[in-house]
Amino acid sequence: MGIPSGWELVILLAVLVVLFGATKLPTAARAIGQSIRILKDETRGARSEQEPSALAPQQVNPPQRDNDALS
């Protein structure tokens, strides 16, 4: 079962128009497009938050005091 093509797409489109009506299909397509856009933005944001923490410099410990020098 591959991607529908040719007449299969025409029949699928006709069924969608009958089920949802021609006026609701553009609204549904717009809502799906906005959802996909939001999902992409959120995944980019999550990746950008993870990258700097992985590349952050490690904490540098202060130099140790020499106890012999203090005595």
PDB file of N, CA and C in Angstrom:
ATOM      1  N   MET A   1       0.846  -1.168   0.000  1.00  0.00           N
ATOM      2  CA  MET A   1       0.000   0.000   0.000  1.00  0.00           C
ATOM      3  C   MET A   1       0.896   1.236   0.000  1.00  0.00           C
ATOM      4  N   GLY A   2       0.982   1.845  -1.132  1.00  0.00           N
ATOM      5  CA  GLY A   2       1.794   3.046  -1.266  1.00  0.00           C
ATOM      6  C   GLY A   2       0.949   4.304  -1.140  1.00  0.00           C
ATOM      7  N   ILE A   3       1.503   5.366  -1.613  1.00  0.00           N
ATOM      8  CA  ILE A   3       0.815   6.648  -1.591  1.00  0.00           C
ATOM      9  C   ILE A   3      -0.243   6.642  -2.699  1.00  0.00           C
ATOM     10  N   PRO A   4      -1.473   7.061  -2.372  1.00  0.00           N
ATOM     11  CA  PRO A   4      -2.515   7.080  -3.406  1.00  0.00           C
ATOM     12  C   PRO A   4      -2.152   8.062  -4.525  1.00  0.00           C
ATOM     13  N   SER A   5      -2.509   7.696  -5.750  1.00  0.00           N
ATOM     14  CA  SER A   5      -2.227   8.567  -6.886  1.00  0.00           C
ATOM     15  C   SER A   5      -3.364   8.476  -7.891  1.00  0.00           C
ATOM     16  N   GLY A   6      -3.428   9.448  -8.768  1.00  0.00           N
ATOM     17  CA  GLY A   6      -4.403   9.427  -9.862  1.00  0.00           C
ATOM     18  C   GLY A   6      -5.840   9.425  -9.379  1.00  0.00           C
ATOM     19  N   TRP A   7      -6.566   8.415  -9.829  1.00  0.00           N
ATOM     20  CA  TRP A   7      -7.990   8.313  -9.508  1.00  0.00           C
ATOM     21  C   TRP A   7      -8.236   8.111  -8.024  1.00  0.00           C
ATOM     22  N   GLU A   8      -7.303   7.501  -7.351  1.00  0.00           N
ATOM     23  CA  GLU A   8      -7.473   7.293  -5.904  1.00  0.00           C
ATOM     24  C   GLU A   8      -7.567   8.625  -5.176  1.00  0.00           C
ATOM     25  N   LEU A   9      -6.748   9.595  -5.576  1.00  0.00           N
ATOM     26  CA  LEU A   9      -6.805  10.921  -4.966  1.00  0.00           C
ATOM     27  C   LEU A   9      -8.112  11.638  -5.278  1.00  0.00           C
ATOM     28  N   VAL A  10      -8.596  11.479  -6.500  1.00  0.00           N
ATOM     29  CA  VAL A  10      -9.856  12.112  -6.896  1.00  0.00           C
ATOM     30  C   VAL A  10     -11.004  11.545  -6.065  1.00  0.00           C
ATOM     31  N   ILE A  11     -11.031  10.243  -5.907  1.00  0.00           N
ATOM     32  CA  ILE A  11     -12.090   9.603  -5.123  1.00  0.00           C
ATOM     33  C   ILE A  11     -11.985  10.013  -3.658  1.00  0.00           C
ATOM     34  N   LEU A  12     -10.771  10.060  -3.125  1.00  0.00           N
ATOM     35  CA  LEU A  12     -10.569  10.465  -1.738  1.00  0.00           C
ATOM     36  C   LEU A  12     -11.036  11.900  -1.517  1.00  0.00           C
ATOM     37  N   LEU A  13     -10.711  12.796  -2.435  1.00  0.00           N
ATOM     38  CA  LEU A  13     -11.145  14.184  -2.340  1.00  0.00           C
ATOM     39  C   LEU A  13     -12.666  14.289  -2.401  1.00  0.00           C
ATOM     40  N   ALA A  14     -13.298  13.517  -3.273  1.00  0.00           N
ATOM     41  CA  ALA A  14     -14.759  13.540  -3.380  1.00  0.00           C
ATOM     42  C   ALA A  14     -15.405  13.061  -2.088  1.00  0.00           C
ATOM     43  N   VAL A  15     -14.868  12.035  -1.493  1.00  0.00           N
ATOM     44  CA  VAL A  15     -15.410  11.527  -0.221  1.00  0.00           C
ATOM     45  C   VAL A  15     -15.265  12.583   0.874  1.00  0.00           C
ATOM     46  N   LEU A  16     -14.129  13.260   0.919  1.00  0.00           N
ATOM     47  CA  LEU A  16     -13.935  14.306   1.915  1.00  0.00           C
ATOM     48  C   LEU A  16     -14.920  15.458   1.730  1.00  0.00           C
ATOM     49  N   VAL A  17     -15.168  15.850   0.487  1.00  0.00           N
ATOM     50  CA  VAL A  17     -16.130  16.929   0.223  1.00  0.00           C
ATOM     51  C   VAL A  17     -17.527  16.513   0.644  1.00  0.00           C
ATOM     52  N   VAL A  18     -17.892  15.270   0.390  1.00  0.00           N
ATOM     53  CA  VAL A  18     -19.225  14.791   0.779  1.00  0.00           C
ATOM     54  C   VAL A  18     -19.342  14.741   2.302  1.00  0.00           C
ATOM     55  N   LEU A  19     -18.315  14.267   2.981  1.00  0.00           N
ATOM     56  CA  LEU A  19     -18.380  14.131   4.434  1.00  0.00           C
ATOM     57  C   LEU A  19     -18.353  15.484   5.157  1.00  0.00           C
ATOM     58  N   PHE A  20     -17.462  16.354   4.768  1.00  0.00           N
ATOM     59  CA  PHE A  20     -17.261  17.584   5.523  1.00  0.00           C
ATOM     60  C   PHE A  20     -17.863  18.817   4.873  1.00  0.00           C
ATOM     61  N   GLY A  21     -18.156  18.764   3.616  1.00  0.00           N
ATOM     62  CA  GLY A  21     -18.682  19.940   2.929  1.00  0.00           C
ATOM     63  C   GLY A  21     -17.547  20.804   2.411  1.00  0.00           C
ATOM     64  N   ALA A  22     -17.798  21.468   1.316  1.00  0.00           N
ATOM     65  CA  ALA A  22     -16.760  22.252   0.644  1.00  0.00           C
ATOM     66  C   ALA A  22     -16.345  23.475   1.461  1.00  0.00           C
ATOM     67  N   THR A  23     -17.214  23.976   2.324  1.00  0.00           N
ATOM     68  CA  THR A  23     -16.878  25.180   3.096  1.00  0.00           C
ATOM     69  C   THR A  23     -15.979  24.879   4.289  1.00  0.00           C
ATOM     70  N   LYS A  24     -16.057  23.676   4.833  1.00  0.00           N
ATOM     71  CA  LYS A  24     -15.255  23.353   6.018  1.00  0.00           C
ATOM     72  C   LYS A  24     -13.869  22.822   5.687  1.00  0.00           C
ATOM     73  N   LEU A  25     -13.642  22.361   4.467  1.00  0.00           N
ATOM     74  CA  LEU A  25     -12.333  21.817   4.112  1.00  0.00           C
ATOM     75  C   LEU A  25     -11.216  22.863   4.161  1.00  0.00           C
ATOM     76  N   PRO A  26     -11.385  24.079   3.635  1.00  0.00           N
ATOM     77  CA  PRO A  26     -10.306  25.067   3.758  1.00  0.00           C
ATOM     78  C   PRO A  26     -10.007  25.424   5.220  1.00  0.00           C
ATOM     79  N   THR A  27     -11.030  25.493   6.042  1.00  0.00           N
ATOM     80  CA  THR A  27     -10.835  25.801   7.455  1.00  0.00           C
ATOM     81  C   THR A  27     -10.055  24.679   8.138  1.00  0.00           C
ATOM     82  N   ALA A  28     -10.400  23.459   7.820  1.00  0.00           N
ATOM     83  CA  ALA A  28      -9.696  22.314   8.411  1.00  0.00           C
ATOM     84  C   ALA A  28      -8.247  22.268   7.936  1.00  0.00           C
ATOM     85  N   ALA A  29      -8.017  22.536   6.661  1.00  0.00           N
ATOM     86  CA  ALA A  29      -6.652  22.539   6.123  1.00  0.00           C
ATOM     87  C   ALA A  29      -5.824  23.645   6.771  1.00  0.00           C
ATOM     88  N   ARG A  30      -6.425  24.799   6.987  1.00  0.00           N
ATOM     89  CA  ARG A  30      -5.728  25.917   7.638  1.00  0.00           C
ATOM     90  C   ARG A  30      -5.366  25.550   9.071  1.00  0.00           C
ATOM     91  N   ALA A  31      -6.277  24.914   9.783  1.00  0.00           N
ATOM     92  CA  ALA A  31      -6.019  24.518  11.169  1.00  0.00           C
ATOM     93  C   ALA A  31      -4.906  23.473  11.236  1.00  0.00           C
ATOM     94  N   ILE A  32      -4.896  22.543  10.306  1.00  0.00           N
ATOM     95  CA  ILE A  32      -3.837  21.531  10.273  1.00  0.00           C
ATOM     96  C   ILE A  32      -2.497  22.188   9.971  1.00  0.00           C
ATOM     97  N   GLY A  33      -2.487  23.139   9.041  1.00  0.00           N
ATOM     98  CA  GLY A  33      -1.250  23.853   8.710  1.00  0.00           C
ATOM     99  C   GLY A  33      -0.707  24.630   9.895  1.00  0.00           C
ATOM    100  N   GLN A  34      -1.587  25.290  10.648  1.00  0.00           N
ATOM    101  CA  GLN A  34      -1.149  26.027  11.834  1.00  0.00           C
ATOM    102  C   GLN A  34      -0.608  25.083  12.894  1.00  0.00           C
ATOM    103  N   SER A  35      -1.245  23.934  13.055  1.00  0.00           N
ATOM    104  CA  SER A  35      -0.779  22.955  14.036  1.00  0.00           C
ATOM    105  C   SER A  35       0.612  22.438  13.673  1.00  0.00           C
ATOM    106  N   ILE A  36       0.831  22.177  12.406  1.00  0.00           N
ATOM    107  CA  ILE A  36       2.147  21.700  11.960  1.00  0.00           C
ATOM    108  C   ILE A  36       3.198  22.781  12.176  1.00  0.00           C
ATOM    109  N   ARG A  37       2.850  24.034  11.883  1.00  0.00           N
ATOM    110  CA  ARG A  37       3.780  25.149  12.076  1.00  0.00           C
ATOM    111  C   ARG A  37       4.157  25.301  13.555  1.00  0.00           C
ATOM    112  N   ILE A  38       3.170  25.203  14.431  1.00  0.00           N
ATOM    113  CA  ILE A  38       3.431  25.300  15.872  1.00  0.00           C
ATOM    114  C   ILE A  38       4.316  24.155  16.326  1.00  0.00           C
ATOM    115  N   LEU A  39       4.049  22.951  15.848  1.00  0.00           N
ATOM    116  CA  LEU A  39       4.858  21.791  16.213  1.00  0.00           C
ATOM    117  C   LEU A  39       6.309  21.976  15.778  1.00  0.00           C
ATOM    118  N   LYS A  40       6.523  22.469  14.568  1.00  0.00           N
ATOM    119  CA  LYS A  40       7.884  22.707  14.086  1.00  0.00           C
ATOM    120  C   LYS A  40       8.594  23.752  14.929  1.00  0.00           C
ATOM    121  N   ASP A  41       7.890  24.841  15.264  1.00  0.00           N
ATOM    122  CA  ASP A  41       8.500  25.891  16.092  1.00  0.00           C
ATOM    123  C   ASP A  41       8.892  25.356  17.466  1.00  0.00           C
ATOM    124  N   GLU A  42       8.037  24.541  18.054  1.00  0.00           N
ATOM    125  CA  GLU A  42       8.322  23.987  19.377  1.00  0.00           C
ATOM    126  C   GLU A  42       9.494  23.015  19.337  1.00  0.00           C
ATOM    127  N   THR A  43       9.585  22.202  18.280  1.00  0.00           N
ATOM    128  CA  THR A  43      10.706  21.265  18.203  1.00  0.00           C
ATOM    129  C   THR A  43      12.013  22.011  17.962  1.00  0.00           C
ATOM    130  N   ARG A  44      11.972  23.094  17.172  1.00  0.00           N
ATOM    131  CA  ARG A  44      13.176  23.913  16.997  1.00  0.00           C
ATOM    132  C   ARG A  44      13.584  24.553  18.316  1.00  0.00           C
ATOM    133  N   GLY A  45      12.603  25.030  19.078  1.00  0.00           N
ATOM    134  CA  GLY A  45      12.894  25.639  20.372  1.00  0.00           C
ATOM    135  C   GLY A  45      13.494  24.641  21.341  1.00  0.00           C
ATOM    136  N   ALA A  46      12.989  23.419  21.340  1.00  0.00           N
ATOM    137  CA  ALA A  46      13.522  22.395  22.229  1.00  0.00           C
ATOM    138  C   ALA A  46      14.946  22.030  21.838  1.00  0.00           C
ATOM    139  N   ARG A  47      15.220  21.969  20.542  1.00  0.00           N
ATOM    140  CA  ARG A  47      16.581  21.658  20.098  1.00  0.00           C
ATOM    141  C   ARG A  47      17.546  22.773  20.462  1.00  0.00           C
ATOM    142  N   SER A  48      17.119  24.028  20.301  1.00  0.00           N
ATOM    143  CA  SER A  48      18.012  25.146  20.597  1.00  0.00           C
ATOM    144  C   SER A  48      18.283  25.247  22.094  1.00  0.00           C
ATOM    145  N   GLU A  49      17.351  24.804  22.925  1.00  0.00           N
ATOM    146  CA  GLU A  49      17.576  24.798  24.370  1.00  0.00           C
ATOM    147  C   GLU A  49      18.555  23.704  24.762  1.00  0.00           C
ATOM    148  N   GLN A  50      18.563  22.601  24.062  1.00  0.00           N
ATOM    149  CA  GLN A  50      19.444  21.486  24.399  1.00  0.00           C
ATOM    150  C   GLN A  50      20.866  21.725  23.913  1.00  0.00           C
ATOM    151  N   GLU A  51      21.056  22.340  22.768  1.00  0.00           N
ATOM    152  CA  GLU A  51      22.387  22.509  22.192  1.00  0.00           C
ATOM    153  C   GLU A  51      23.320  23.336  23.063  1.00  0.00           C
ATOM    154  N   PRO A  52      22.925  24.510  23.577  1.00  0.00           N
ATOM    155  CA  PRO A  52      23.866  25.282  24.387  1.00  0.00           C
ATOM    156  C   PRO A  52      24.270  24.557  25.671  1.00  0.00           C
ATOM    157  N   SER A  53      23.365  23.806  26.266  1.00  0.00           N
ATOM    158  CA  SER A  53      23.715  23.109  27.498  1.00  0.00           C
ATOM    159  C   SER A  53      24.722  21.998  27.225  1.00  0.00           C
ATOM    160  N   ALA A  54      24.653  21.406  26.051  1.00  0.00           N
ATOM    161  CA  ALA A  54      25.613  20.355  25.713  1.00  0.00           C
ATOM    162  C   ALA A  54      26.988  20.953  25.426  1.00  0.00           C
ATOM    163  N   LEU A  55      27.011  22.190  24.933  1.00  0.00           N
ATOM    164  CA  LEU A  55      28.262  22.825  24.577  1.00  0.00           C
ATOM    165  C   LEU A  55      28.757  23.790  25.656  1.00  0.00           C
ATOM    166  N   ALA A  56      28.044  23.868  26.784  1.00  0.00           N
ATOM    167  CA  ALA A  56      28.412  24.811  27.838  1.00  0.00           C
ATOM    168  C   ALA A  56      29.749  24.425  28.440  1.00  0.00           C
ATOM    169  N   PRO A  57      30.563  25.423  28.778  1.00  0.00           N
ATOM    170  CA  PRO A  57      31.862  25.105  29.380  1.00  0.00           C
ATOM    171  C   PRO A  57      31.668  24.461  30.754  1.00  0.00           C
ATOM    172  N   GLN A  58      32.567  23.591  31.083  1.00  0.00           N
ATOM    173  CA  GLN A  58      32.471  22.913  32.368  1.00  0.00           C
ATOM    174  C   GLN A  58      32.887  23.879  33.455  1.00  0.00           C
ATOM    175  N   GLN A  59      32.347  23.647  34.647  1.00  0.00           N
ATOM    176  CA  GLN A  59      32.637  24.523  35.772  1.00  0.00           C
ATOM    177  C   GLN A  59      34.105  24.377  36.161  1.00  0.00           C
ATOM    178  N   VAL A  60      34.762  25.501  36.325  1.00  0.00           N
ATOM    179  CA  VAL A  60      36.173  25.502  36.686  1.00  0.00           C
ATOM    180  C   VAL A  60      36.266  25.619  38.200  1.00  0.00           C
ATOM    181  N   ASN A  61      36.996  24.693  38.816  1.00  0.00           N
ATOM    182  CA  ASN A  61      37.172  24.727  40.262  1.00  0.00           C
ATOM    183  C   ASN A  61      38.240  25.749  40.601  1.00  0.00           C
ATOM    184  N   PRO A  62      38.055  26.480  41.709  1.00  0.00           N
ATOM    185  CA  PRO A  62      39.078  27.453  42.103  1.00  0.00           C
ATOM    186  C   PRO A  62      40.359  26.727  42.504  1.00  0.00           C
ATOM    187  N   PRO A  63      41.494  27.394  42.383  1.00  0.00           N
ATOM    188  CA  PRO A  63      42.758  26.736  42.740  1.00  0.00           C
ATOM    189  C   PRO A  63      42.778  26.342  44.209  1.00  0.00           C
ATOM    190  N   GLN A  64      43.419  25.219  44.486  1.00  0.00           N
ATOM    191  CA  GLN A  64      43.516  24.708  45.848  1.00  0.00           C
ATOM    192  C   GLN A  64      44.564  25.516  46.616  1.00  0.00           C
ATOM    193  N   ARG A  65      44.300  25.766  47.888  1.00  0.00           N
ATOM    194  CA  ARG A  65      45.284  26.454  48.725  1.00  0.00           C
ATOM    195  C   ARG A  65      46.352  25.484  49.150  1.00  0.00           C
ATOM    196  N   ASP A  66      47.528  26.003  49.239  1.00  0.00           N
ATOM    197  CA  ASP A  66      48.633  25.181  49.717  1.00  0.00           C
ATOM    198  C   ASP A  66      48.704  25.351  51.229  1.00  0.00           C
ATOM    199  N   ASN A  67      48.394  24.290  51.968  1.00  0.00           N
ATOM    200  CA  ASN A  67      48.379  24.343  53.429  1.00  0.00           C
ATOM    201  C   ASN A  67      49.756  24.601  54.011  1.00  0.00           C
ATOM    202  N   ASP A  68      50.827  24.191  53.355  1.00  0.00           N
ATOM    203  CA  ASP A  68      52.165  24.398  53.859  1.00  0.00           C
ATOM    204  C   ASP A  68      52.549  25.879  53.842  1.00  0.00           C
ATOM    205  N   ALA A  69      52.020  26.632  52.892  1.00  0.00           N
ATOM    206  CA  ALA A  69      52.359  28.030  52.775  1.00  0.00           C
ATOM    207  C   ALA A  69      51.734  28.852  53.908  1.00  0.00           C
ATOM    208  N   LEU A  70      50.596  28.381  54.445  1.00  0.00           N
ATOM    209  CA  LEU A  70      49.900  29.101  55.497  1.00  0.00           C
ATOM    210  C   LEU A  70      50.554  28.867  56.868  1.00  0.00           C
ATOM    211  N   SER A  71      51.240  27.784  57.077  1.00  0.00           N
ATOM    212  CA  SER A  71      51.791  27.458  58.385  1.00  0.00           C
ATOM    213  C   SER A  71      53.071  28.168  58.696  1.00  0.00           C
TER     214      SER A  71
END
